Amino acid sequence: MSKAILYNRGVLFFMAFIALGNLFMFLFKKDLVPIAVFVVIGLLTSFFSKNMVVILCISVVFSNIIRYGVTGMEGFEEGVEEEEEKEKEGLEEEDNMTGDKEEEEEEK
């Protein structure tokens, strides 16, 4: 049964559609690293298997792991909020400093 799936034309066209969709999605998001990973993994896989369904499937899986596995973060939210507040305070202080300089220049 598994050989029938690997050599089925419908499965091949489905995998080609998924692979092209992923490539266009990465291209439109201007994310070139997963595109490069897709091409490199596809070339490396082609040395070990001549079945295009296998090559496309492995390339899609690894490029998506690279894309979404790298950006995954843990769920600790408290530290993120504190950092954002510190950044906002720092920006407000900078605005105050530049506002003081502008007032001094206007007085001269």
PDB file of N, CA and C in Angstrom:
ATOM      1  N   MET A   1       0.826  -1.196   0.000  1.00  0.00           N
ATOM      2  CA  MET A   1       0.000   0.000   0.000  1.00  0.00           C
ATOM      3  C   MET A   1       0.869   1.257   0.000  1.00  0.00           C
ATOM      4  N   SER A   2       1.971   1.280   0.762  1.00  0.00           N
ATOM      5  CA  SER A   2       2.815   2.477   0.820  1.00  0.00           C
ATOM      6  C   SER A   2       3.480   2.756  -0.519  1.00  0.00           C
ATOM      7  N   LYS A   3       3.803   1.714  -1.267  1.00  0.00           N
ATOM      8  CA  LYS A   3       4.386   1.930  -2.593  1.00  0.00           C
ATOM      9  C   LYS A   3       3.370   2.542  -3.529  1.00  0.00           C
ATOM     10  N   ALA A   4       2.125   2.178  -3.364  1.00  0.00           N
ATOM     11  CA  ALA A   4       1.081   2.753  -4.215  1.00  0.00           C
ATOM     12  C   ALA A   4       0.946   4.257  -3.954  1.00  0.00           C
ATOM     13  N   ILE A   5       1.118   4.678  -2.715  1.00  0.00           N
ATOM     14  CA  ILE A   5       1.033   6.103  -2.379  1.00  0.00           C
ATOM     15  C   ILE A   5       2.247   6.850  -2.923  1.00  0.00           C
ATOM     16  N   LEU A   6       3.429   6.251  -2.801  1.00  0.00           N
ATOM     17  CA  LEU A   6       4.645   6.922  -3.247  1.00  0.00           C
ATOM     18  C   LEU A   6       4.710   7.105  -4.760  1.00  0.00           C
ATOM     19  N   TYR A   7       4.029   6.249  -5.506  1.00  0.00           N
ATOM     20  CA  TYR A   7       4.075   6.332  -6.967  1.00  0.00           C
ATOM     21  C   TYR A   7       2.770   6.825  -7.584  1.00  0.00           C
ATOM     22  N   ASN A   8       1.891   7.372  -6.776  1.00  0.00           N
ATOM     23  CA  ASN A   8       0.606   7.879  -7.255  1.00  0.00           C
ATOM     24  C   ASN A   8       0.787   9.285  -7.820  1.00  0.00           C
ATOM     25  N   ARG A   9       0.228   9.524  -9.005  1.00  0.00           N
ATOM     26  CA  ARG A   9       0.347  10.846  -9.645  1.00  0.00           C
ATOM     27  C   ARG A   9      -0.408  11.919  -8.872  1.00  0.00           C
ATOM     28  N   GLY A  10      -1.529  11.578  -8.306  1.00  0.00           N
ATOM     29  CA  GLY A  10      -2.304  12.541  -7.532  1.00  0.00           C
ATOM     30  C   GLY A  10      -1.538  13.038  -6.318  1.00  0.00           C
ATOM     31  N   VAL A  11      -0.863  12.116  -5.644  1.00  0.00           N
ATOM     32  CA  VAL A  11      -0.059  12.487  -4.488  1.00  0.00           C
ATOM     33  C   VAL A  11       1.114  13.364  -4.926  1.00  0.00           C
ATOM     34  N   LEU A  12       1.697  13.045  -6.072  1.00  0.00           N
ATOM     35  CA  LEU A  12       2.792  13.857  -6.588  1.00  0.00           C
ATOM     36  C   LEU A  12       2.329  15.286  -6.881  1.00  0.00           C
ATOM     37  N   PHE A  13       1.187  15.443  -7.533  1.00  0.00           N
ATOM     38  CA  PHE A  13       0.679  16.778  -7.834  1.00  0.00           C
ATOM     39  C   PHE A  13       0.288  17.525  -6.557  1.00  0.00           C
ATOM     40  N   PHE A  14      -0.259  16.819  -5.581  1.00  0.00           N
ATOM     41  CA  PHE A  14      -0.603  17.435  -4.307  1.00  0.00           C
ATOM     42  C   PHE A  14       0.655  17.945  -3.598  1.00  0.00           C
ATOM     43  N   MET A  15       1.697  17.131  -3.556  1.00  0.00           N
ATOM     44  CA  MET A  15       2.947  17.550  -2.916  1.00  0.00           C
ATOM     45  C   MET A  15       3.595  18.699  -3.677  1.00  0.00           C
ATOM     46  N   ALA A  16       3.507  18.687  -4.992  1.00  0.00           N
ATOM     47  CA  ALA A  16       4.062  19.795  -5.781  1.00  0.00           C
ATOM     48  C   ALA A  16       3.304  21.091  -5.491  1.00  0.00           C
ATOM     49  N   PHE A  17       1.986  20.994  -5.344  1.00  0.00           N
ATOM     50  CA  PHE A  17       1.171  22.168  -5.013  1.00  0.00           C
ATOM     51  C   PHE A  17       1.539  22.707  -3.629  1.00  0.00           C
ATOM     52  N   ILE A  18       1.690  21.828  -2.658  1.00  0.00           N
ATOM     53  CA  ILE A  18       2.077  22.231  -1.305  1.00  0.00           C
ATOM     54  C   ILE A  18       3.470  22.865  -1.316  1.00  0.00           C
ATOM     55  N   ALA A  19       4.408  22.265  -2.038  1.00  0.00           N
ATOM     56  CA  ALA A  19       5.777  22.779  -2.084  1.00  0.00           C
ATOM     57  C   ALA A  19       5.814  24.158  -2.740  1.00  0.00           C
ATOM     58  N   LEU A  20       5.127  24.329  -3.856  1.00  0.00           N
ATOM     59  CA  LEU A  20       5.091  25.644  -4.508  1.00  0.00           C
ATOM     60  C   LEU A  20       4.401  26.680  -3.638  1.00  0.00           C
ATOM     61  N   GLY A  21       3.342  26.279  -2.958  1.00  0.00           N
ATOM     62  CA  GLY A  21       2.657  27.194  -2.043  1.00  0.00           C
ATOM     63  C   GLY A  21       3.574  27.661  -0.930  1.00  0.00           C
ATOM     64  N   ASN A  22       4.332  26.732  -0.359  1.00  0.00           N
ATOM     65  CA  ASN A  22       5.281  27.099   0.689  1.00  0.00           C
ATOM     66  C   ASN A  22       6.368  28.031   0.164  1.00  0.00           C
ATOM     67  N   LEU A  23       6.890  27.723  -1.014  1.00  0.00           N
ATOM     68  CA  LEU A  23       7.936  28.572  -1.580  1.00  0.00           C
ATOM     69  C   LEU A  23       7.430  29.982  -1.850  1.00  0.00           C
ATOM     70  N   PHE A  24       6.222  30.100  -2.398  1.00  0.00           N
ATOM     71  CA  PHE A  24       5.652  31.426  -2.654  1.00  0.00           C
ATOM     72  C   PHE A  24       5.373  32.164  -1.346  1.00  0.00           C
ATOM     73  N   MET A  25       4.927  31.443  -0.330  1.00  0.00           N
ATOM     74  CA  MET A  25       4.672  32.067   0.967  1.00  0.00           C
ATOM     75  C   MET A  25       5.972  32.624   1.554  1.00  0.00           C
ATOM     76  N   PHE A  26       7.046  31.838   1.498  1.00  0.00           N
ATOM     77  CA  PHE A  26       8.332  32.313   1.997  1.00  0.00           C
ATOM     78  C   PHE A  26       8.835  33.486   1.165  1.00  0.00           C
ATOM     79  N   LEU A  27       8.612  33.437  -0.130  1.00  0.00           N
ATOM     80  CA  LEU A  27       9.065  34.506  -1.010  1.00  0.00           C
ATOM     81  C   LEU A  27       8.315  35.804  -0.741  1.00  0.00           C
ATOM     82  N   PHE A  28       7.009  35.728  -0.560  1.00  0.00           N
ATOM     83  CA  PHE A  28       6.218  36.932  -0.301  1.00  0.00           C
ATOM     84  C   PHE A  28       6.522  37.534   1.065  1.00  0.00           C
ATOM     85  N   LYS A  29       6.914  36.691   2.026  1.00  0.00           N
ATOM     86  CA  LYS A  29       7.301  37.199   3.337  1.00  0.00           C
ATOM     87  C   LYS A  29       8.763  37.640   3.359  1.00  0.00           C
ATOM     88  N   LYS A  30       9.444  37.498   2.234  1.00  0.00           N
ATOM     89  CA  LYS A  30      10.860  37.851   2.084  1.00  0.00           C
ATOM     90  C   LYS A  30      11.722  37.115   3.096  1.00  0.00           C
ATOM     91  N   ASP A  31      11.401  35.856   3.286  1.00  0.00           N
ATOM     92  CA  ASP A  31      12.139  34.995   4.202  1.00  0.00           C
ATOM     93  C   ASP A  31      12.948  34.014   3.346  1.00  0.00           C
ATOM     94  N   LEU A  32      14.202  34.347   3.081  1.00  0.00           N
ATOM     95  CA  LEU A  32      14.999  33.594   2.123  1.00  0.00           C
ATOM     96  C   LEU A  32      15.696  32.373   2.710  1.00  0.00           C
ATOM     97  N   VAL A  33      15.837  32.320   4.021  1.00  0.00           N
ATOM     98  CA  VAL A  33      16.518  31.187   4.648  1.00  0.00           C
ATOM     99  C   VAL A  33      15.754  29.873   4.411  1.00  0.00           C
ATOM    100  N   PRO A  34      14.427  29.821   4.636  1.00  0.00           N
ATOM    101  CA  PRO A  34      13.729  28.562   4.363  1.00  0.00           C
ATOM    102  C   PRO A  34      13.744  28.172   2.884  1.00  0.00           C
ATOM    103  N   ILE A  35      13.808  29.154   1.989  1.00  0.00           N
ATOM    104  CA  ILE A  35      13.895  28.830   0.562  1.00  0.00           C
ATOM    105  C   ILE A  35      15.224  28.155   0.269  1.00  0.00           C
ATOM    106  N   ALA A  36      16.296  28.690   0.832  1.00  0.00           N
ATOM    107  CA  ALA A  36      17.615  28.083   0.639  1.00  0.00           C
ATOM    108  C   ALA A  36      17.671  26.690   1.250  1.00  0.00           C
ATOM    109  N   VAL A  37      17.071  26.529   2.432  1.00  0.00           N
ATOM    110  CA  VAL A  37      17.037  25.213   3.077  1.00  0.00           C
ATOM    111  C   VAL A  37      16.243  24.230   2.227  1.00  0.00           C
ATOM    112  N   PHE A  38      15.129  24.692   1.656  1.00  0.00           N
ATOM    113  CA  PHE A  38      14.309  23.843   0.792  1.00  0.00           C
ATOM    114  C   PHE A  38      15.129  23.328  -0.383  1.00  0.00           C
ATOM    115  N   VAL A  39      15.860  24.220  -1.033  1.00  0.00           N
ATOM    116  CA  VAL A  39      16.652  23.831  -2.211  1.00  0.00           C
ATOM    117  C   VAL A  39      17.782  22.886  -1.822  1.00  0.00           C
ATOM    118  N   VAL A  40      18.496  23.203  -0.744  1.00  0.00           N
ATOM    119  CA  VAL A  40      19.627  22.374  -0.330  1.00  0.00           C
ATOM    120  C   VAL A  40      19.154  20.992   0.106  1.00  0.00           C
ATOM    121  N   ILE A  41      18.112  20.940   0.901  1.00  0.00           N
ATOM    122  CA  ILE A  41      17.588  19.639   1.353  1.00  0.00           C
ATOM    123  C   ILE A  41      17.062  18.848   0.158  1.00  0.00           C
ATOM    124  N   GLY A  42      16.416  19.524  -0.778  1.00  0.00           N
ATOM    125  CA  GLY A  42      15.932  18.841  -1.983  1.00  0.00           C
ATOM    126  C   GLY A  42      17.071  18.237  -2.792  1.00  0.00           C
ATOM    127  N   LEU A  43      18.141  18.998  -2.956  1.00  0.00           N
ATOM    128  CA  LEU A  43      19.296  18.466  -3.692  1.00  0.00           C
ATOM    129  C   LEU A  43      19.940  17.299  -2.957  1.00  0.00           C
ATOM    130  N   LEU A  44      20.111  17.428  -1.645  1.00  0.00           N
ATOM    131  CA  LEU A  44      20.706  16.332  -0.882  1.00  0.00           C
ATOM    132  C   LEU A  44      19.832  15.082  -0.896  1.00  0.00           C
ATOM    133  N   THR A  45      18.544  15.266  -0.803  1.00  0.00           N
ATOM    134  CA  THR A  45      17.631  14.120  -0.804  1.00  0.00           C
ATOM    135  C   THR A  45      17.620  13.432  -2.167  1.00  0.00           C
ATOM    136  N   SER A  46      17.821  14.204  -3.226  1.00  0.00           N
ATOM    137  CA  SER A  46      17.797  13.608  -4.569  1.00  0.00           C
ATOM    138  C   SER A  46      18.967  12.651  -4.789  1.00  0.00           C
ATOM    139  N   PHE A  47      20.046  12.784  -4.002  1.00  0.00           N
ATOM    140  CA  PHE A  47      21.144  11.826  -4.120  1.00  0.00           C
ATOM    141  C   PHE A  47      20.784  10.475  -3.516  1.00  0.00           C
ATOM    142  N   PHE A  48      19.841  10.463  -2.575  1.00  0.00           N
ATOM    143  CA  PHE A  48      19.482   9.226  -1.894  1.00  0.00           C
ATOM    144  C   PHE A  48      18.199   8.593  -2.422  1.00  0.00           C
ATOM    145  N   SER A  49      17.318   9.409  -3.023  1.00  0.00           N
ATOM    146  CA  SER A  49      16.049   8.888  -3.525  1.00  0.00           C
ATOM    147  C   SER A  49      15.711   9.590  -4.839  1.00  0.00           C
ATOM    148  N   LYS A  50      15.210   8.836  -5.768  1.00  0.00           N
ATOM    149  CA  LYS A  50      14.789   9.418  -7.043  1.00  0.00           C
ATOM    150  C   LYS A  50      13.283   9.668  -7.083  1.00  0.00           C
ATOM    151  N   ASN A  51      12.595   9.334  -5.996  1.00  0.00           N
ATOM    152  CA  ASN A  51      11.152   9.526  -5.923  1.00  0.00           C
ATOM    153  C   ASN A  51      10.859  10.977  -5.556  1.00  0.00           C
ATOM    154  N   MET A  52      10.160  11.678  -6.436  1.00  0.00           N
ATOM    155  CA  MET A  52       9.906  13.102  -6.248  1.00  0.00           C
ATOM    156  C   MET A  52       8.962  13.372  -5.075  1.00  0.00           C
ATOM    157  N   VAL A  53       8.068  12.462  -4.768  1.00  0.00           N
ATOM    158  CA  VAL A  53       7.169  12.640  -3.626  1.00  0.00           C
ATOM    159  C   VAL A  53       7.989  12.684  -2.336  1.00  0.00           C
ATOM    160  N   VAL A  54       8.950  11.800  -2.213  1.00  0.00           N
ATOM    161  CA  VAL A  54       9.802  11.759  -1.028  1.00  0.00           C
ATOM    162  C   VAL A  54      10.647  13.024  -0.942  1.00  0.00           C
ATOM    163  N   ILE A  55      11.227  13.438  -2.063  1.00  0.00           N
ATOM    164  CA  ILE A  55      12.083  14.624  -2.080  1.00  0.00           C
ATOM    165  C   ILE A  55      11.293  15.859  -1.671  1.00  0.00           C
ATOM    166  N   LEU A  56      10.121  16.054  -2.251  1.00  0.00           N
ATOM    167  CA  LEU A  56       9.304  17.227  -1.932  1.00  0.00           C
ATOM    168  C   LEU A  56       8.822  17.202  -0.490  1.00  0.00           C
ATOM    169  N   CYS A  57       8.407  16.037  -0.023  1.00  0.00           N
ATOM    170  CA  CYS A  57       7.893  15.926   1.342  1.00  0.00           C
ATOM    171  C   CYS A  57       8.977  16.269   2.369  1.00  0.00           C
ATOM    172  N   ILE A  58      10.159  15.720   2.198  1.00  0.00           N
ATOM    173  CA  ILE A  58      11.249  15.984   3.143  1.00  0.00           C
ATOM    174  C   ILE A  58      11.672  17.445   3.075  1.00  0.00           C
ATOM    175  N   SER A  59      11.723  18.009   1.877  1.00  0.00           N
ATOM    176  CA  SER A  59      12.110  19.417   1.732  1.00  0.00           C
ATOM    177  C   SER A  59      11.107  20.348   2.402  1.00  0.00           C
ATOM    178  N   VAL A  60       9.827  20.080   2.215  1.00  0.00           N
ATOM    179  CA  VAL A  60       8.787  20.915   2.825  1.00  0.00           C
ATOM    180  C   VAL A  60       8.848  20.813   4.347  1.00  0.00           C
ATOM    181  N   VAL A  61       9.001  19.613   4.847  1.00  0.00           N
ATOM    182  CA  VAL A  61       9.034  19.414   6.302  1.00  0.00           C
ATOM    183  C   VAL A  61      10.219  20.141   6.925  1.00  0.00           C
ATOM    184  N   PHE A  62      11.407  19.972   6.366  1.00  0.00           N
ATOM    185  CA  PHE A  62      12.587  20.596   6.965  1.00  0.00           C
ATOM    186  C   PHE A  62      12.580  22.115   6.822  1.00  0.00           C
ATOM    187  N   SER A  63      12.102  22.630   5.700  1.00  0.00           N
ATOM    188  CA  SER A  63      12.063  24.087   5.557  1.00  0.00           C
ATOM    189  C   SER A  63      11.061  24.710   6.535  1.00  0.00           C
ATOM    190  N   ASN A  64       9.947  24.034   6.780  1.00  0.00           N
ATOM    191  CA  ASN A  64       8.986  24.541   7.755  1.00  0.00           C
ATOM    192  C   ASN A  64       9.499  24.412   9.189  1.00  0.00           C
ATOM    193  N   ILE A  65      10.261  23.368   9.467  1.00  0.00           N
ATOM    194  CA  ILE A  65      10.866  23.238  10.799  1.00  0.00           C
ATOM    195  C   ILE A  65      11.851  24.376  11.023  1.00  0.00           C
ATOM    196  N   ILE A  66      12.651  24.680  10.015  1.00  0.00           N
ATOM    197  CA  ILE A  66      13.608  25.782  10.140  1.00  0.00           C
ATOM    198  C   ILE A  66      12.866  27.100  10.312  1.00  0.00           C
ATOM    199  N   ARG A  67      11.810  27.313   9.559  1.00  0.00           N
ATOM    200  CA  ARG A  67      11.083  28.590   9.597  1.00  0.00           C
ATOM    201  C   ARG A  67      10.347  28.787  10.921  1.00  0.00           C
ATOM    202  N   TYR A  68       9.573  27.805  11.323  1.00  0.00           N
ATOM    203  CA  TYR A  68       8.724  27.975  12.503  1.00  0.00           C
ATOM    204  C   TYR A  68       9.358  27.434  13.777  1.00  0.00           C
ATOM    205  N   GLY A  69      10.363  26.605  13.666  1.00  0.00           N
ATOM    206  CA  GLY A  69      11.041  26.088  14.845  1.00  0.00           C
ATOM    207  C   GLY A  69      11.962  27.116  15.453  1.00  0.00           C
ATOM    208  N   VAL A  70      12.534  27.974  14.646  1.00  0.00           N
ATOM    209  CA  VAL A  70      13.450  28.996  15.135  1.00  0.00           C
ATOM    210  C   VAL A  70      12.690  30.099  15.855  1.00  0.00           C
ATOM    211  N   THR A  71      11.523  30.465  15.383  1.00  0.00           N
ATOM    212  CA  THR A  71      10.774  31.570  15.972  1.00  0.00           C
ATOM    213  C   THR A  71       9.936  31.150  17.166  1.00  0.00           C
ATOM    214  N   GLY A  72       9.904  29.874  17.485  1.00  0.00           N
ATOM    215  CA  GLY A  72       9.114  29.425  18.617  1.00  0.00           C
ATOM    216  C   GLY A  72       9.696  29.934  19.924  1.00  0.00           C
ATOM    217  N   MET A  73       8.827  30.426  20.801  1.00  0.00           N
ATOM    218  CA  MET A  73       9.277  30.948  22.087  1.00  0.00           C
ATOM    219  C   MET A  73       8.489  30.270  23.198  1.00  0.00           C
ATOM    220  N   GLU A  74       9.062  30.306  24.372  1.00  0.00           N
ATOM    221  CA  GLU A  74       8.366  29.749  25.513  1.00  0.00           C
ATOM    222  C   GLU A  74       7.258  30.693  25.939  1.00  0.00           C
ATOM    223  N   GLY A  75       6.394  30.227  26.812  1.00  0.00           N
ATOM    224  CA  GLY A  75       5.228  31.005  27.186  1.00  0.00           C
ATOM    225  C   GLY A  75       5.407  31.926  28.369  1.00  0.00           C
ATOM    226  N   PHE A  76       6.615  32.271  28.746  1.00  0.00           N
ATOM    227  CA  PHE A  76       6.844  33.151  29.882  1.00  0.00           C
ATOM    228  C   PHE A  76       6.560  34.587  29.454  1.00  0.00           C
ATOM    229  N   GLU A  77       5.450  35.130  29.902  1.00  0.00           N
ATOM    230  CA  GLU A  77       5.002  36.444  29.459  1.00  0.00           C
ATOM    231  C   GLU A  77       5.420  37.571  30.395  1.00  0.00           C
ATOM    232  N   GLU A  78       5.643  37.285  31.664  1.00  0.00           N
ATOM    233  CA  GLU A  78       5.906  38.330  32.642  1.00  0.00           C
ATOM    234  C   GLU A  78       7.175  39.105  32.308  1.00  0.00           C
ATOM    235  N   GLY A  79       8.237  38.418  31.955  1.00  0.00           N
ATOM    236  CA  GLY A  79       9.491  39.071  31.637  1.00  0.00           C
ATOM    237  C   GLY A  79       9.382  39.936  30.391  1.00  0.00           C
ATOM    238  N   VAL A  80       8.589  39.524  29.432  1.00  0.00           N
ATOM    239  CA  VAL A  80       8.431  40.281  28.192  1.00  0.00           C
ATOM    240  C   VAL A  80       7.742  41.610  28.474  1.00  0.00           C
ATOM    241  N   GLU A  81       6.736  41.604  29.321  1.00  0.00           N
ATOM    242  CA  GLU A  81       6.018  42.838  29.630  1.00  0.00           C
ATOM    243  C   GLU A  81       6.909  43.830  30.359  1.00  0.00           C
ATOM    244  N   GLU A  82       7.742  43.325  31.280  1.00  0.00           N
ATOM    245  CA  GLU A  82       8.645  44.205  32.009  1.00  0.00           C
ATOM    246  C   GLU A  82       9.649  44.849  31.066  1.00  0.00           C
ATOM    247  N   GLU A  83      10.168  44.092  30.115  1.00  0.00           N
ATOM    248  CA  GLU A  83      11.125  44.638  29.157  1.00  0.00           C
ATOM    249  C   GLU A  83      10.462  45.692  28.278  1.00  0.00           C
ATOM    250  N   GLU A  84       9.228  45.448  27.870  1.00  0.00           N
ATOM    251  CA  GLU A  84       8.519  46.418  27.036  1.00  0.00           C
ATOM    252  C   GLU A  84       8.285  47.719  27.795  1.00  0.00           C
ATOM    253  N   GLU A  85       7.954  47.618  29.091  1.00  0.00           N
ATOM    254  CA  GLU A  85       7.745  48.820  29.897  1.00  0.00           C
ATOM    255  C   GLU A  85       9.047  49.607  30.029  1.00  0.00           C
ATOM    256  N   LYS A  86      10.171  48.917  30.229  1.00  0.00           N
ATOM    257  CA  LYS A  86      11.455  49.593  30.340  1.00  0.00           C
ATOM    258  C   LYS A  86      11.803  50.301  29.029  1.00  0.00           C
ATOM    259  N   GLU A  87      11.510  49.657  27.901  1.00  0.00           N
ATOM    260  CA  GLU A  87      11.789  50.278  26.606  1.00  0.00           C
ATOM    261  C   GLU A  87      10.939  51.528  26.421  1.00  0.00           C
ATOM    262  N   LYS A  88       9.661  51.460  26.827  1.00  0.00           N
ATOM    263  CA  LYS A  88       8.785  52.628  26.703  1.00  0.00           C
ATOM    264  C   LYS A  88       9.282  53.772  27.577  1.00  0.00           C
ATOM    265  N   GLU A  89       9.712  53.454  28.814  1.00  0.00           N
ATOM    266  CA  GLU A  89      10.233  54.480  29.708  1.00  0.00           C
ATOM    267  C   GLU A  89      11.485  55.116  29.118  1.00  0.00           C
ATOM    268  N   GLY A  90      12.342  54.285  28.523  1.00  0.00           N
ATOM    269  CA  GLY A  90      13.560  54.800  27.911  1.00  0.00           C
ATOM    270  C   GLY A  90      13.251  55.720  26.747  1.00  0.00           C
ATOM    271  N   LEU A  91      12.232  55.383  25.948  1.00  0.00           N
ATOM    272  CA  LEU A  91      11.840  56.232  24.830  1.00  0.00           C
ATOM    273  C   LEU A  91      11.252  57.539  25.320  1.00  0.00           C
ATOM    274  N   GLU A  92      10.474  57.493  26.405  1.00  0.00           N
ATOM    275  CA  GLU A  92       9.890  58.717  26.952  1.00  0.00           C
ATOM    276  C   GLU A  92      10.983  59.642  27.480  1.00  0.00           C
ATOM    277  N   GLU A  93      12.006  59.070  28.120  1.00  0.00           N
ATOM    278  CA  GLU A  93      13.109  59.879  28.632  1.00  0.00           C
ATOM    279  C   GLU A  93      13.862  60.540  27.483  1.00  0.00           C
ATOM    280  N   GLU A  94      14.060  59.804  26.381  1.00  0.00           N
ATOM    281  CA  GLU A  94      14.745  60.373  25.223  1.00  0.00           C
ATOM    282  C   GLU A  94      13.933  61.515  24.626  1.00  0.00           C
ATOM    283  N   ASP A  95      12.604  61.351  24.562  1.00  0.00           N
ATOM    284  CA  ASP A  95      11.746  62.410  24.044  1.00  0.00           C
ATOM    285  C   ASP A  95      11.843  63.655  24.921  1.00  0.00           C
ATOM    286  N   ASN A  96      11.871  63.450  26.228  1.00  0.00           N
ATOM    287  CA  ASN A  96      11.998  64.577  27.151  1.00  0.00           C
ATOM    288  C   ASN A  96      13.331  65.289  26.967  1.00  0.00           C
ATOM    289  N   MET A  97      14.381  64.526  26.759  1.00  0.00           N
ATOM    290  CA  MET A  97      15.700  65.116  26.582  1.00  0.00           C
ATOM    291  C   MET A  97      15.758  65.928  25.292  1.00  0.00           C
ATOM    292  N   THR A  98      15.211  65.403  24.216  1.00  0.00           N
ATOM    293  CA  THR A  98      15.244  66.138  22.951  1.00  0.00           C
ATOM    294  C   THR A  98      14.328  67.348  23.017  1.00  0.00           C
ATOM    295  N   GLY A  99      13.259  67.252  23.771  1.00  0.00           N
ATOM    296  CA  GLY A  99      12.346  68.390  23.932  1.00  0.00           C
ATOM    297  C   GLY A  99      13.029  69.523  24.678  1.00  0.00           C
ATOM    298  N   ASP A 100      13.852  69.196  25.687  1.00  0.00           N
ATOM    299  CA  ASP A 100      14.581  70.219  26.437  1.00  0.00           C
ATOM    300  C   ASP A 100      15.594  70.920  25.548  1.00  0.00           C
ATOM    301  N   LYS A 101      16.285  70.185  24.696  1.00  0.00           N
ATOM    302  CA  LYS A 101      17.279  70.769  23.801  1.00  0.00           C
ATOM    303  C   LYS A 101      16.625  71.718  22.810  1.00  0.00           C
ATOM    304  N   GLU A 102      15.458  71.329  22.312  1.00  0.00           N
ATOM    305  CA  GLU A 102      14.740  72.182  21.358  1.00  0.00           C
ATOM    306  C   GLU A 102      14.298  73.482  22.017  1.00  0.00           C
ATOM    307  N   GLU A 103      13.854  73.414  23.285  1.00  0.00           N
ATOM    308  CA  GLU A 103      13.436  74.613  23.996  1.00  0.00           C
ATOM    309  C   GLU A 103      14.609  75.549  24.230  1.00  0.00           C
ATOM    310  N   GLU A 104      15.785  74.993  24.541  1.00  0.00           N
ATOM    311  CA  GLU A 104      16.972  75.816  24.767  1.00  0.00           C
ATOM    312  C   GLU A 104      17.381  76.528  23.481  1.00  0.00           C
ATOM    313  N   GLU A 105      17.272  75.833  22.345  1.00  0.00           N
ATOM    314  CA  GLU A 105      17.647  76.425  21.075  1.00  0.00           C
ATOM    315  C   GLU A 105      16.689  77.547  20.703  1.00  0.00           C
ATOM    316  N   GLU A 106      15.412  77.375  21.013  1.00  0.00           N
ATOM    317  CA  GLU A 106      14.426  78.397  20.702  1.00  0.00           C
ATOM    318  C   GLU A 106      14.654  79.652  21.553  1.00  0.00           C
ATOM    319  N   GLU A 107      15.108  79.466  22.798  1.00  0.00           N
ATOM    320  CA  GLU A 107      15.360  80.607  23.674  1.00  0.00           C
ATOM    321  C   GLU A 107      16.533  81.448  23.177  1.00  0.00           C
ATOM    322  N   LYS A 108      17.510  80.822  22.514  1.00  0.00           N
ATOM    323  CA  LYS A 108      18.691  81.548  22.013  1.00  0.00           C
ATOM    324  C   LYS A 108      18.294  82.346  20.821  1.00  0.00           C
TER     325      LYS A 108
END
